[in-house]
Amino acid sequence: MPPLTAFVHSRLAGTARIETVFWRDMMLTGTSLTLATFVAAMLLLAQDFPTALVLVIYFMTMPYNIFITIAVWRGAAQAGAAGQMFYRASAALWLVVTTLL
């Protein structure tokens, strides 16, 4: 199986370690990508680029953010009842914050 396919499959199947999916894939990678596209969109907006282009850049990470939120949601079952609630609530809050950032 190609590496990208294995990555996606392990996340969607909930078989990847929840700690890795939450901390590395969501908090580190997802937040970094979102901040980078936010900064890029603001720079383009300041340079009077078309609003449509700014919005495309701004929302570019949404597919990844939704994917990784679903992956955390599915993988949270590994963490027990309290951990499951923590990971799911944190993922939902993170998605809202990164969407509104």
PDB file of N, CA and C in Angstrom:
ATOM      1  N   MET A   1       0.846  -1.174   0.000  1.00  0.00           N
ATOM      2  CA  MET A   1       0.000   0.000   0.000  1.00  0.00           C
ATOM      3  C   MET A   1       0.899   1.248   0.000  1.00  0.00           C
ATOM      4  N   PRO A   2       0.649   2.199  -0.886  1.00  0.00           N
ATOM      5  CA  PRO A   2       1.449   3.431  -0.912  1.00  0.00           C
ATOM      6  C   PRO A   2       1.360   4.168   0.434  1.00  0.00           C
ATOM      7  N   PRO A   3       2.415   4.898   0.796  1.00  0.00           N
ATOM      8  CA  PRO A   3       2.443   5.563   2.108  1.00  0.00           C
ATOM      9  C   PRO A   3       1.260   6.503   2.367  1.00  0.00           C
ATOM     10  N   LEU A   4       0.870   7.281   1.375  1.00  0.00           N
ATOM     11  CA  LEU A   4      -0.244   8.200   1.579  1.00  0.00           C
ATOM     12  C   LEU A   4      -1.543   7.435   1.816  1.00  0.00           C
ATOM     13  N   THR A   5      -1.740   6.370   1.056  1.00  0.00           N
ATOM     14  CA  THR A   5      -2.932   5.541   1.232  1.00  0.00           C
ATOM     15  C   THR A   5      -2.941   4.905   2.614  1.00  0.00           C
ATOM     16  N   ALA A   6      -1.788   4.417   3.054  1.00  0.00           N
ATOM     17  CA  ALA A   6      -1.684   3.814   4.387  1.00  0.00           C
ATOM     18  C   ALA A   6      -1.968   4.851   5.471  1.00  0.00           C
ATOM     19  N   PHE A   7      -1.462   6.063   5.280  1.00  0.00           N
ATOM     20  CA  PHE A   7      -1.701   7.145   6.238  1.00  0.00           C
ATOM     21  C   PHE A   7      -3.196   7.421   6.365  1.00  0.00           C
ATOM     22  N   VAL A   8      -3.854   7.633   5.232  1.00  0.00           N
ATOM     23  CA  VAL A   8      -5.285   7.946   5.236  1.00  0.00           C
ATOM     24  C   VAL A   8      -6.080   6.779   5.812  1.00  0.00           C
ATOM     25  N   HIS A   9      -5.765   5.573   5.380  1.00  0.00           N
ATOM     26  CA  HIS A   9      -6.504   4.398   5.850  1.00  0.00           C
ATOM     27  C   HIS A   9      -6.367   4.218   7.360  1.00  0.00           C
ATOM     28  N   SER A  10      -5.156   4.338   7.878  1.00  0.00           N
ATOM     29  CA  SER A  10      -4.963   4.141   9.320  1.00  0.00           C
ATOM     30  C   SER A  10      -5.698   5.204  10.135  1.00  0.00           C
ATOM     31  N   ARG A  11      -5.787   6.416   9.613  1.00  0.00           N
ATOM     32  CA  ARG A  11      -6.509   7.474  10.331  1.00  0.00           C
ATOM     33  C   ARG A  11      -8.015   7.238  10.279  1.00  0.00           C
ATOM     34  N   LEU A  12      -8.527   6.936   9.102  1.00  0.00           N
ATOM     35  CA  LEU A  12      -9.971   6.757   8.977  1.00  0.00           C
ATOM     36  C   LEU A  12     -10.465   5.472   9.627  1.00  0.00           C
ATOM     37  N   ALA A  13      -9.607   4.457   9.694  1.00  0.00           N
ATOM     38  CA  ALA A  13      -9.990   3.200  10.342  1.00  0.00           C
ATOM     39  C   ALA A  13      -9.867   3.294  11.859  1.00  0.00           C
ATOM     40  N   GLY A  14      -9.213   4.341  12.357  1.00  0.00           N
ATOM     41  CA  GLY A  14      -9.037   4.497  13.791  1.00  0.00           C
ATOM     42  C   GLY A  14      -7.967   3.603  14.374  1.00  0.00           C
ATOM     43  N   THR A  15      -7.048   3.119  13.517  1.00  0.00           N
ATOM     44  CA  THR A  15      -6.005   2.207  13.990  1.00  0.00           C
ATOM     45  C   THR A  15      -4.696   2.909  14.327  1.00  0.00           C
ATOM     46  N   ALA A  16      -4.529   4.142  13.913  1.00  0.00           N
ATOM     47  CA  ALA A  16      -3.321   4.901  14.269  1.00  0.00           C
ATOM     48  C   ALA A  16      -3.417   5.293  15.741  1.00  0.00           C
ATOM     49  N   ARG A  17      -2.270   5.406  16.400  1.00  0.00           N
ATOM     50  CA  ARG A  17      -2.267   5.794  17.818  1.00  0.00           C
ATOM     51  C   ARG A  17      -2.928   7.160  17.973  1.00  0.00           C
ATOM     52  N   ILE A  18      -3.865   7.249  18.891  1.00  0.00           N
ATOM     53  CA  ILE A  18      -4.606   8.494  19.086  1.00  0.00           C
ATOM     54  C   ILE A  18      -3.682   9.637  19.494  1.00  0.00           C
ATOM     55  N   GLU A  19      -2.644   9.336  20.257  1.00  0.00           N
ATOM     56  CA  GLU A  19      -1.707  10.385  20.663  1.00  0.00           C
ATOM     57  C   GLU A  19      -1.017  11.004  19.449  1.00  0.00           C
ATOM     58  N   THR A  20      -0.645  10.164  18.499  1.00  0.00           N
ATOM     59  CA  THR A  20       0.004  10.645  17.279  1.00  0.00           C
ATOM     60  C   THR A  20      -0.963  11.463  16.434  1.00  0.00           C
ATOM     61  N   VAL A  21      -2.162  10.940  16.267  1.00  0.00           N
ATOM     62  CA  VAL A  21      -3.156  11.632  15.440  1.00  0.00           C
ATOM     63  C   VAL A  21      -3.523  12.978  16.064  1.00  0.00           C
ATOM     64  N   PHE A  22      -3.719  12.985  17.371  1.00  0.00           N
ATOM     65  CA  PHE A  22      -4.136  14.220  18.036  1.00  0.00           C
ATOM     66  C   PHE A  22      -3.007  15.245  18.107  1.00  0.00           C
ATOM     67  N   TRP A  23      -1.881  14.850  18.690  1.00  0.00           N
ATOM     68  CA  TRP A  23      -0.820  15.824  18.945  1.00  0.00           C
ATOM     69  C   TRP A  23      -0.015  16.183  17.700  1.00  0.00           C
ATOM     70  N   ARG A  24       0.381  15.191  16.915  1.00  0.00           N
ATOM     71  CA  ARG A  24       1.213  15.504  15.748  1.00  0.00           C
ATOM     72  C   ARG A  24       0.371  15.937  14.558  1.00  0.00           C
ATOM     73  N   ASP A  25      -0.607  15.093  14.184  1.00  0.00           N
ATOM     74  CA  ASP A  25      -1.363  15.359  12.959  1.00  0.00           C
ATOM     75  C   ASP A  25      -2.316  16.545  13.099  1.00  0.00           C
ATOM     76  N   MET A  26      -2.979  16.645  14.267  1.00  0.00           N
ATOM     77  CA  MET A  26      -3.945  17.727  14.439  1.00  0.00           C
ATOM     78  C   MET A  26      -3.293  18.988  15.001  1.00  0.00           C
ATOM     79  N   MET A  27      -2.761  18.872  16.201  1.00  0.00           N
ATOM     80  CA  MET A  27      -2.274  20.071  16.890  1.00  0.00           C
ATOM     81  C   MET A  27      -1.041  20.688  16.228  1.00  0.00           C
ATOM     82  N   LEU A  28      -0.087  19.877  15.838  1.00  0.00           N
ATOM     83  CA  LEU A  28       1.137  20.424  15.247  1.00  0.00           C
ATOM     84  C   LEU A  28       0.961  20.716  13.756  1.00  0.00           C
ATOM     85  N   THR A  29       0.657  19.684  12.979  1.00  0.00           N
ATOM     86  CA  THR A  29       0.561  19.853  11.525  1.00  0.00           C
ATOM     87  C   THR A  29      -0.648  20.689  11.124  1.00  0.00           C
ATOM     88  N   GLY A  30      -1.817  20.333  11.631  1.00  0.00           N
ATOM     89  CA  GLY A  30      -3.036  21.053  11.264  1.00  0.00           C
ATOM     90  C   GLY A  30      -3.004  22.519  11.657  1.00  0.00           C
ATOM     91  N   THR A  31      -2.551  22.785  12.885  1.00  0.00           N
ATOM     92  CA  THR A  31      -2.478  24.173  13.343  1.00  0.00           C
ATOM     93  C   THR A  31      -1.444  24.959  12.548  1.00  0.00           C
ATOM     94  N   SER A  32      -0.302  24.352  12.270  1.00  0.00           N
ATOM     95  CA  SER A  32       0.741  25.032  11.480  1.00  0.00           C
ATOM     96  C   SER A  32       0.245  25.368  10.077  1.00  0.00           C
ATOM     97  N   LEU A  33      -0.399  24.409   9.429  1.00  0.00           N
ATOM     98  CA  LEU A  33      -0.936  24.656   8.087  1.00  0.00           C
ATOM     99  C   LEU A  33      -1.991  25.757   8.109  1.00  0.00           C
ATOM    100  N   THR A  34      -2.858  25.715   9.103  1.00  0.00           N
ATOM    101  CA  THR A  34      -3.910  26.720   9.206  1.00  0.00           C
ATOM    102  C   THR A  34      -3.328  28.110   9.439  1.00  0.00           C
ATOM    103  N   LEU A  35      -2.351  28.206  10.320  1.00  0.00           N
ATOM    104  CA  LEU A  35      -1.714  29.507  10.566  1.00  0.00           C
ATOM    105  C   LEU A  35      -0.987  30.019   9.326  1.00  0.00           C
ATOM    106  N   ALA A  36      -0.330  29.119   8.608  1.00  0.00           N
ATOM    107  CA  ALA A  36       0.387  29.523   7.391  1.00  0.00           C
ATOM    108  C   ALA A  36      -0.575  30.051   6.330  1.00  0.00           C
ATOM    109  N   THR A  37      -1.694  29.364   6.126  1.00  0.00           N
ATOM    110  CA  THR A  37      -2.649  29.841   5.123  1.00  0.00           C
ATOM    111  C   THR A  37      -3.345  31.114   5.590  1.00  0.00           C
ATOM    112  N   PHE A  38      -3.543  31.251   6.896  1.00  0.00           N
ATOM    113  CA  PHE A  38      -4.121  32.487   7.433  1.00  0.00           C
ATOM    114  C   PHE A  38      -3.200  33.676   7.148  1.00  0.00           C
ATOM    115  N   VAL A  39      -1.922  33.512   7.443  1.00  0.00           N
ATOM    116  CA  VAL A  39      -0.951  34.586   7.197  1.00  0.00           C
ATOM    117  C   VAL A  39      -0.880  34.904   5.702  1.00  0.00           C
ATOM    118  N   ALA A  40      -0.835  33.869   4.867  1.00  0.00           N
ATOM    119  CA  ALA A  40      -0.785  34.085   3.415  1.00  0.00           C
ATOM    120  C   ALA A  40      -2.026  34.834   2.933  1.00  0.00           C
ATOM    121  N   ALA A  41      -3.195  34.444   3.432  1.00  0.00           N
ATOM    122  CA  ALA A  41      -4.432  35.109   3.025  1.00  0.00           C
ATOM    123  C   ALA A  41      -4.445  36.572   3.462  1.00  0.00           C
ATOM    124  N   MET A  42      -3.966  36.837   4.667  1.00  0.00           N
ATOM    125  CA  MET A  42      -3.935  38.223   5.153  1.00  0.00           C
ATOM    126  C   MET A  42      -2.947  39.074   4.356  1.00  0.00           C
ATOM    127  N   LEU A  43      -1.815  38.481   3.989  1.00  0.00           N
ATOM    128  CA  LEU A  43      -0.850  39.209   3.155  1.00  0.00           C
ATOM    129  C   LEU A  43      -1.439  39.519   1.783  1.00  0.00           C
ATOM    130  N   LEU A  44      -2.134  38.558   1.195  1.00  0.00           N
ATOM    131  CA  LEU A  44      -2.775  38.794  -0.101  1.00  0.00           C
ATOM    132  C   LEU A  44      -3.870  39.847   0.014  1.00  0.00           C
ATOM    133  N   LEU A  45      -4.621  39.794   1.094  1.00  0.00           N
ATOM    134  CA  LEU A  45      -5.676  40.782   1.309  1.00  0.00           C
ATOM    135  C   LEU A  45      -5.085  42.183   1.451  1.00  0.00           C
ATOM    136  N   ALA A  46      -3.978  42.289   2.147  1.00  0.00           N
ATOM    137  CA  ALA A  46      -3.312  43.587   2.324  1.00  0.00           C
ATOM    138  C   ALA A  46      -2.773  44.135   1.005  1.00  0.00           C
ATOM    139  N   GLN A  47      -2.476  43.246   0.064  1.00  0.00           N
ATOM    140  CA  GLN A  47      -1.959  43.655  -1.246  1.00  0.00           C
ATOM    141  C   GLN A  47      -3.076  43.842  -2.273  1.00  0.00           C
ATOM    142  N   ASP A  48      -4.324  43.848  -1.802  1.00  0.00           N
ATOM    143  CA  ASP A  48      -5.506  44.065  -2.646  1.00  0.00           C
ATOM    144  C   ASP A  48      -5.696  43.003  -3.719  1.00  0.00           C
ATOM    145  N   PHE A  49      -5.372  41.763  -3.398  1.00  0.00           N
ATOM    146  CA  PHE A  49      -5.677  40.663  -4.309  1.00  0.00           C
ATOM    147  C   PHE A  49      -7.182  40.430  -4.291  1.00  0.00           C
ATOM    148  N   PRO A  50      -7.726  39.775  -5.317  1.00  0.00           N
ATOM    149  CA  PRO A  50      -9.169  39.526  -5.352  1.00  0.00           C
ATOM    150  C   PRO A  50      -9.634  38.732  -4.122  1.00  0.00           C
ATOM    151  N   THR A  51     -10.782  39.110  -3.618  1.00  0.00           N
ATOM    152  CA  THR A  51     -11.328  38.468  -2.422  1.00  0.00           C
ATOM    153  C   THR A  51     -11.514  36.971  -2.626  1.00  0.00           C
ATOM    154  N   ALA A  52     -11.914  36.569  -3.820  1.00  0.00           N
ATOM    155  CA  ALA A  52     -12.112  35.142  -4.090  1.00  0.00           C
ATOM    156  C   ALA A  52     -10.812  34.362  -3.891  1.00  0.00           C
ATOM    157  N   LEU A  53      -9.709  34.906  -4.355  1.00  0.00           N
ATOM    158  CA  LEU A  53      -8.412  34.243  -4.179  1.00  0.00           C
ATOM    159  C   LEU A  53      -8.030  34.178  -2.704  1.00  0.00           C
ATOM    160  N   VAL A  54      -8.265  35.258  -1.988  1.00  0.00           N
ATOM    161  CA  VAL A  54      -7.965  35.290  -0.552  1.00  0.00           C
ATOM    162  C   VAL A  54      -8.772  34.214   0.173  1.00  0.00           C
ATOM    163  N   LEU A  55     -10.047  34.078  -0.169  1.00  0.00           N
ATOM    164  CA  LEU A  55     -10.894  33.066   0.472  1.00  0.00           C
ATOM    165  C   LEU A  55     -10.455  31.651   0.127  1.00  0.00           C
ATOM    166  N   VAL A  56     -10.042  31.427  -1.109  1.00  0.00           N
ATOM    167  CA  VAL A  56      -9.541  30.102  -1.501  1.00  0.00           C
ATOM    168  C   VAL A  56      -8.309  29.744  -0.677  1.00  0.00           C
ATOM    169  N   ILE A  57      -7.391  30.680  -0.551  1.00  0.00           N
ATOM    170  CA  ILE A  57      -6.182  30.440   0.245  1.00  0.00           C
ATOM    171  C   ILE A  57      -6.553  30.212   1.708  1.00  0.00           C
ATOM    172  N   TYR A  58      -7.430  31.045   2.235  1.00  0.00           N
ATOM    173  CA  TYR A  58      -7.823  30.953   3.645  1.00  0.00           C
ATOM    174  C   TYR A  58      -8.445  29.595   3.975  1.00  0.00           C
ATOM    175  N   PHE A  59      -9.316  29.101   3.107  1.00  0.00           N
ATOM    176  CA  PHE A  59     -10.023  27.840   3.373  1.00  0.00           C
ATOM    177  C   PHE A  59      -9.326  26.616   2.782  1.00  0.00           C
ATOM    178  N   MET A  60      -8.127  26.784   2.272  1.00  0.00           N
ATOM    179  CA  MET A  60      -7.403  25.691   1.633  1.00  0.00           C
ATOM    180  C   MET A  60      -7.189  24.491   2.562  1.00  0.00           C
ATOM    181  N   THR A  61      -7.030  24.715   3.833  1.00  0.00           N
ATOM    182  CA  THR A  61      -6.750  23.615   4.763  1.00  0.00           C
ATOM    183  C   THR A  61      -8.011  22.940   5.302  1.00  0.00           C
ATOM    184  N   MET A  62      -9.181  23.428   4.950  1.00  0.00           N
ATOM    185  CA  MET A  62     -10.410  22.849   5.498  1.00  0.00           C
ATOM    186  C   MET A  62     -10.561  21.350   5.222  1.00  0.00           C
ATOM    187  N   PRO A  63     -10.269  20.852   4.033  1.00  0.00           N
ATOM    188  CA  PRO A  63     -10.395  19.399   3.839  1.00  0.00           C
ATOM    189  C   PRO A  63      -9.504  18.602   4.799  1.00  0.00           C
ATOM    190  N   TYR A  64      -8.261  19.052   4.985  1.00  0.00           N
ATOM    191  CA  TYR A  64      -7.373  18.358   5.926  1.00  0.00           C
ATOM    192  C   TYR A  64      -7.905  18.481   7.350  1.00  0.00           C
ATOM    193  N   ASN A  65      -8.367  19.667   7.726  1.00  0.00           N
ATOM    194  CA  ASN A  65      -8.868  19.868   9.082  1.00  0.00           C
ATOM    195  C   ASN A  65     -10.076  18.979   9.371  1.00  0.00           C
ATOM    196  N   ILE A  66     -10.971  18.864   8.422  1.00  0.00           N
ATOM    197  CA  ILE A  66     -12.138  17.993   8.603  1.00  0.00           C
ATOM    198  C   ILE A  66     -11.696  16.537   8.655  1.00  0.00           C
ATOM    199  N   PHE A  67     -10.806  16.144   7.755  1.00  0.00           N
ATOM    200  CA  PHE A  67     -10.286  14.773   7.745  1.00  0.00           C
ATOM    201  C   PHE A  67      -9.648  14.415   9.080  1.00  0.00           C
ATOM    202  N   ILE A  68      -8.795  15.268   9.608  1.00  0.00           N
ATOM    203  CA  ILE A  68      -8.069  14.936  10.830  1.00  0.00           C
ATOM    204  C   ILE A  68      -8.992  14.989  12.044  1.00  0.00           C
ATOM    205  N   THR A  69     -10.021  15.831  12.001  1.00  0.00           N
ATOM    206  CA  THR A  69     -11.011  15.834  13.082  1.00  0.00           C
ATOM    207  C   THR A  69     -11.777  14.518  13.095  1.00  0.00           C
ATOM    208  N   ILE A  70     -12.158  14.031  11.931  1.00  0.00           N
ATOM    209  CA  ILE A  70     -12.826  12.727  11.841  1.00  0.00           C
ATOM    210  C   ILE A  70     -11.893  11.625  12.325  1.00  0.00           C
ATOM    211  N   ALA A  71     -10.619  11.710  11.971  1.00  0.00           N
ATOM    212  CA  ALA A  71      -9.644  10.703  12.397  1.00  0.00           C
ATOM    213  C   ALA A  71      -9.497  10.686  13.913  1.00  0.00           C
ATOM    214  N   VAL A  72      -9.442  11.857  14.537  1.00  0.00           N
ATOM    215  CA  VAL A  72      -9.356  11.915  16.002  1.00  0.00           C
ATOM    216  C   VAL A  72     -10.637  11.363  16.610  1.00  0.00           C
ATOM    217  N   TRP A  73     -11.761  11.731  16.039  1.00  0.00           N
ATOM    218  CA  TRP A  73     -13.047  11.265  16.558  1.00  0.00           C
ATOM    219  C   TRP A  73     -13.102   9.735  16.546  1.00  0.00           C
ATOM    220  N   ARG A  74     -12.681   9.131  15.444  1.00  0.00           N
ATOM    221  CA  ARG A  74     -12.708   7.669  15.332  1.00  0.00           C
ATOM    222  C   ARG A  74     -11.650   7.006  16.204  1.00  0.00           C
ATOM    223  N   GLY A  75     -10.478   7.605  16.281  1.00  0.00           N
ATOM    224  CA  GLY A  75      -9.399   7.015  17.061  1.00  0.00           C
ATOM    225  C   GLY A  75      -9.548   7.199  18.558  1.00  0.00           C
ATOM    226  N   ALA A  76     -10.430   8.096  18.979  1.00  0.00           N
ATOM    227  CA  ALA A  76     -10.597   8.383  20.406  1.00  0.00           C
ATOM    228  C   ALA A  76     -11.097   7.178  21.188  1.00  0.00           C
ATOM    229  N   ALA A  77     -11.697   6.223  20.521  1.00  0.00           N
ATOM    230  CA  ALA A  77     -12.194   5.022  21.203  1.00  0.00           C
ATOM    231  C   ALA A  77     -11.065   4.258  21.888  1.00  0.00           C
ATOM    232  N   GLN A  78      -9.835   4.443  21.450  1.00  0.00           N
ATOM    233  CA  GLN A  78      -8.680   3.773  22.051  1.00  0.00           C
ATOM    234  C   GLN A  78      -8.386   4.292  23.454  1.00  0.00           C
ATOM    235  N   ALA A  79      -8.879   5.458  23.801  1.00  0.00           N
ATOM    236  CA  ALA A  79      -8.441   6.166  25.004  1.00  0.00           C
ATOM    237  C   ALA A  79      -9.299   5.919  26.237  1.00  0.00           C
ATOM    238  N   GLY A  80     -10.297   5.078  26.170  1.00  0.00           N
ATOM    239  CA  GLY A  80     -11.178   4.904  27.321  1.00  0.00           C
ATOM    240  C   GLY A  80     -12.202   6.027  27.387  1.00  0.00           C
ATOM    241  N   ALA A  81     -13.104   5.942  28.354  1.00  0.00           N
ATOM    242  CA  ALA A  81     -14.230   6.883  28.416  1.00  0.00           C
ATOM    243  C   ALA A  81     -13.788   8.328  28.622  1.00  0.00           C
ATOM    244  N   ALA A  82     -12.947   8.571  29.614  1.00  0.00           N
ATOM    245  CA  ALA A  82     -12.524   9.952  29.893  1.00  0.00           C
ATOM    246  C   ALA A  82     -11.661  10.499  28.760  1.00  0.00           C
ATOM    247  N   GLY A  83     -10.735   9.687  28.268  1.00  0.00           N
ATOM    248  CA  GLY A  83      -9.884  10.107  27.163  1.00  0.00           C
ATOM    249  C   GLY A  83     -10.678  10.343  25.899  1.00  0.00           C
ATOM    250  N   GLN A  84     -11.669   9.490  25.679  1.00  0.00           N
ATOM    251  CA  GLN A  84     -12.512   9.634  24.496  1.00  0.00           C
ATOM    252  C   GLN A  84     -13.229  10.978  24.521  1.00  0.00           C
ATOM    253  N   MET A  85     -13.767  11.347  25.668  1.00  0.00           N
ATOM    254  CA  MET A  85     -14.459  12.635  25.782  1.00  0.00           C
ATOM    255  C   MET A  85     -13.484  13.796  25.567  1.00  0.00           C
ATOM    256  N   PHE A  86     -12.292  13.699  26.153  1.00  0.00           N
ATOM    257  CA  PHE A  86     -11.285  14.750  25.993  1.00  0.00           C
ATOM    258  C   PHE A  86     -10.908  14.932  24.528  1.00  0.00           C
ATOM    259  N   TYR A  87     -10.553  13.826  23.854  1.00  0.00           N
ATOM    260  CA  TYR A  87     -10.101  13.923  22.465  1.00  0.00           C
ATOM    261  C   TYR A  87     -11.208  14.426  21.548  1.00  0.00           C
ATOM    262  N   ARG A  88     -12.416  13.923  21.730  1.00  0.00           N
ATOM    263  CA  ARG A  88     -13.515  14.343  20.856  1.00  0.00           C
ATOM    264  C   ARG A  88     -13.892  15.806  21.076  1.00  0.00           C
ATOM    265  N   ALA A  89     -13.983  16.221  22.329  1.00  0.00           N
ATOM    266  CA  ALA A  89     -14.321  17.623  22.609  1.00  0.00           C
ATOM    267  C   ALA A  89     -13.214  18.556  22.117  1.00  0.00           C
ATOM    268  N   SER A  90     -11.970  18.156  22.340  1.00  0.00           N
ATOM    269  CA  SER A  90     -10.839  18.974  21.889  1.00  0.00           C
ATOM    270  C   SER A  90     -10.806  19.080  20.369  1.00  0.00           C
ATOM    271  N   ALA A  91     -11.075  17.975  19.684  1.00  0.00           N
ATOM    272  CA  ALA A  91     -11.073  17.984  18.219  1.00  0.00           C
ATOM    273  C   ALA A  91     -12.179  18.883  17.677  1.00  0.00           C
ATOM    274  N   ALA A  92     -13.367  18.800  18.269  1.00  0.00           N
ATOM    275  CA  ALA A  92     -14.478  19.638  17.817  1.00  0.00           C
ATOM    276  C   ALA A  92     -14.167  21.116  18.051  1.00  0.00           C
ATOM    277  N   LEU A  93     -13.633  21.433  19.223  1.00  0.00           N
ATOM    278  CA  LEU A  93     -13.268  22.818  19.531  1.00  0.00           C
ATOM    279  C   LEU A  93     -12.166  23.310  18.599  1.00  0.00           C
ATOM    280  N   TRP A  94     -11.176  22.461  18.352  1.00  0.00           N
ATOM    281  CA  TRP A  94     -10.075  22.824  17.454  1.00  0.00           C
ATOM    282  C   TRP A  94     -10.605  23.135  16.054  1.00  0.00           C
ATOM    283  N   LEU A  95     -11.535  22.313  15.558  1.00  0.00           N
ATOM    284  CA  LEU A  95     -12.087  22.549  14.221  1.00  0.00           C
ATOM    285  C   LEU A  95     -12.817  23.888  14.165  1.00  0.00           C
ATOM    286  N   VAL A  96     -13.581  24.197  15.191  1.00  0.00           N
ATOM    287  CA  VAL A  96     -14.285  25.484  15.232  1.00  0.00           C
ATOM    288  C   VAL A  96     -13.285  26.640  15.249  1.00  0.00           C
ATOM    289  N   VAL A  97     -12.277  26.541  16.101  1.00  0.00           N
ATOM    290  CA  VAL A  97     -11.283  27.619  16.219  1.00  0.00           C
ATOM    291  C   VAL A  97     -10.510  27.798  14.916  1.00  0.00           C
ATOM    292  N   THR A  98     -10.067  26.704  14.308  1.00  0.00           N
ATOM    293  CA  THR A  98      -9.289  26.835  13.069  1.00  0.00           C
ATOM    294  C   THR A  98     -10.151  27.308  11.900  1.00  0.00           C
ATOM    295  N   THR A  99     -11.432  27.054  11.960  1.00  0.00           N
ATOM    296  CA  THR A  99     -12.319  27.544  10.906  1.00  0.00           C
ATOM    297  C   THR A  99     -12.551  29.045  11.055  1.00  0.00           C
ATOM    298  N   LEU A 100     -12.662  29.500  12.281  1.00  0.00           N
ATOM    299  CA  LEU A 100     -12.956  30.913  12.533  1.00  0.00           C
ATOM    300  C   LEU A 100     -11.720  31.787  12.657  1.00  0.00           C
ATOM    301  N   LEU A 101     -10.535  31.186  12.736  1.00  0.00           N
ATOM    302  CA  LEU A 101      -9.287  31.934  12.941  1.00  0.00           C
ATOM    303  C   LEU A 101      -9.127  33.046  11.955  1.00  0.00           C
TER     304      LEU A 101
END
